Amino acid sequence: MQLSEELNISSKRAMLIFYNSTVGNQLHDPKYGYQLMSDTYIVNDIKAEFANIQSLS
């Protein structure tokens, strides 16, 4: 929901971005440490990844 609110998009779109992101995939792997990070930290990483993808377009 935080990603949805910060990007001003639907929750469905936010979930698609999350599940298709590198961060979303790394969240399930303990070696990246995302389990220890706050929601805000994770959302900021997803937003940075999303911004990088859009800048390449």
C-alpha atoms as a PDB file:
ATOM      1  CA  MET A   1       0.000   0.000   0.000  1.00  0.00           C
ATOM      2  CA  GLN A   2       2.877   2.382   0.720  1.00  0.00           C
ATOM      3  CA  LEU A   3       4.219   1.953  -2.822  1.00  0.00           C
ATOM      4  CA  SER A   4       0.751   2.593  -4.212  1.00  0.00           C
ATOM      5  CA  GLU A   5       0.379   5.779  -2.182  1.00  0.00           C
ATOM      6  CA  GLU A   6       3.848   7.137  -2.930  1.00  0.00           C
ATOM      7  CA  LEU A   7       3.593   6.527  -6.680  1.00  0.00           C
ATOM      8  CA  ASN A   8      -0.078   7.530  -6.768  1.00  0.00           C
ATOM      9  CA  ILE A   9      -1.065   4.329  -8.554  1.00  0.00           C
ATOM     10  CA  SER A  10      -3.582   1.577  -7.898  1.00  0.00           C
ATOM     11  CA  SER A  11      -2.726  -1.135  -5.402  1.00  0.00           C
ATOM     12  CA  LYS A  12      -2.964  -3.672  -8.229  1.00  0.00           C
ATOM     13  CA  ARG A  13      -0.348  -1.776 -10.269  1.00  0.00           C
ATOM     14  CA  ALA A  14       1.874  -1.448  -7.186  1.00  0.00           C
ATOM     15  CA  MET A  15       1.700  -5.200  -6.611  1.00  0.00           C
ATOM     16  CA  LEU A  16       2.639  -5.866 -10.243  1.00  0.00           C
ATOM     17  CA  ILE A  17       5.626  -3.540  -9.930  1.00  0.00           C
ATOM     18  CA  PHE A  18       6.664  -5.192  -6.664  1.00  0.00           C
ATOM     19  CA  TYR A  19       6.387  -8.783  -7.910  1.00  0.00           C
ATOM     20  CA  ASN A  20       8.212  -7.956 -11.146  1.00  0.00           C
ATOM     21  CA  SER A  21      11.010  -6.051  -9.437  1.00  0.00           C
ATOM     22  CA  THR A  22      14.462  -7.275  -8.530  1.00  0.00           C
ATOM     23  CA  VAL A  23      13.803  -6.134  -4.968  1.00  0.00           C
ATOM     24  CA  GLY A  24      10.622  -8.210  -4.826  1.00  0.00           C
ATOM     25  CA  ASN A  25      12.536 -11.280  -5.937  1.00  0.00           C
ATOM     26  CA  GLN A  26      15.404 -10.616  -3.535  1.00  0.00           C
ATOM     27  CA  LEU A  27      13.024 -10.153  -0.607  1.00  0.00           C
ATOM     28  CA  HIS A  28      12.668 -13.916  -0.314  1.00  0.00           C
ATOM     29  CA  ASP A  29      16.413 -14.565  -0.258  1.00  0.00           C
ATOM     30  CA  PRO A  30      18.005 -14.022   3.169  1.00  0.00           C
ATOM     31  CA  LYS A  31      21.405 -13.181   1.674  1.00  0.00           C
ATOM     32  CA  TYR A  32      20.093  -9.738   0.611  1.00  0.00           C
ATOM     33  CA  GLY A  33      18.841  -8.826   4.095  1.00  0.00           C
ATOM     34  CA  TYR A  34      15.563  -7.243   3.022  1.00  0.00           C
ATOM     35  CA  GLN A  35      13.780  -9.146   5.806  1.00  0.00           C
ATOM     36  CA  LEU A  36      15.585  -6.893   8.261  1.00  0.00           C
ATOM     37  CA  MET A  37      14.727  -3.635   6.470  1.00  0.00           C
ATOM     38  CA  SER A  38      11.775  -1.356   7.055  1.00  0.00           C
ATOM     39  CA  ASP A  39       8.905  -1.061   4.615  1.00  0.00           C
ATOM     40  CA  THR A  40      10.095   2.442   3.727  1.00  0.00           C
ATOM     41  CA  TYR A  41      13.587   1.177   2.889  1.00  0.00           C
ATOM     42  CA  ILE A  42      12.139  -1.511   0.613  1.00  0.00           C
ATOM     43  CA  VAL A  43       9.718   0.918  -1.059  1.00  0.00           C
ATOM     44  CA  ASN A  44      12.558   3.373  -1.681  1.00  0.00           C
ATOM     45  CA  ASP A  45      14.616   0.639  -3.327  1.00  0.00           C
ATOM     46  CA  ILE A  46      11.674  -0.363  -5.531  1.00  0.00           C
ATOM     47  CA  LYS A  47      11.077   3.281  -6.485  1.00  0.00           C
ATOM     48  CA  ALA A  48      14.765   3.681  -7.381  1.00  0.00           C
ATOM     49  CA  GLU A  49      14.649   0.534  -9.501  1.00  0.00           C
ATOM     50  CA  PHE A  50      11.435   1.722 -11.181  1.00  0.00           C
ATOM     51  CA  ALA A  51      12.979   5.154 -11.877  1.00  0.00           C
ATOM     52  CA  ASN A  52      16.054   3.542 -13.434  1.00  0.00           C
ATOM     53  CA  ILE A  53      13.902   1.407 -15.705  1.00  0.00           C
ATOM     54  CA  GLN A  54      11.863   4.408 -16.819  1.00  0.00           C
ATOM     55  CA  SER A  55      14.980   6.482 -17.500  1.00  0.00           C
ATOM     56  CA  LEU A  56      16.212   3.768 -19.872  1.00  0.00           C
ATOM     57  CA  SER A  57      13.025   3.993 -21.933  1.00  0.00           C
END
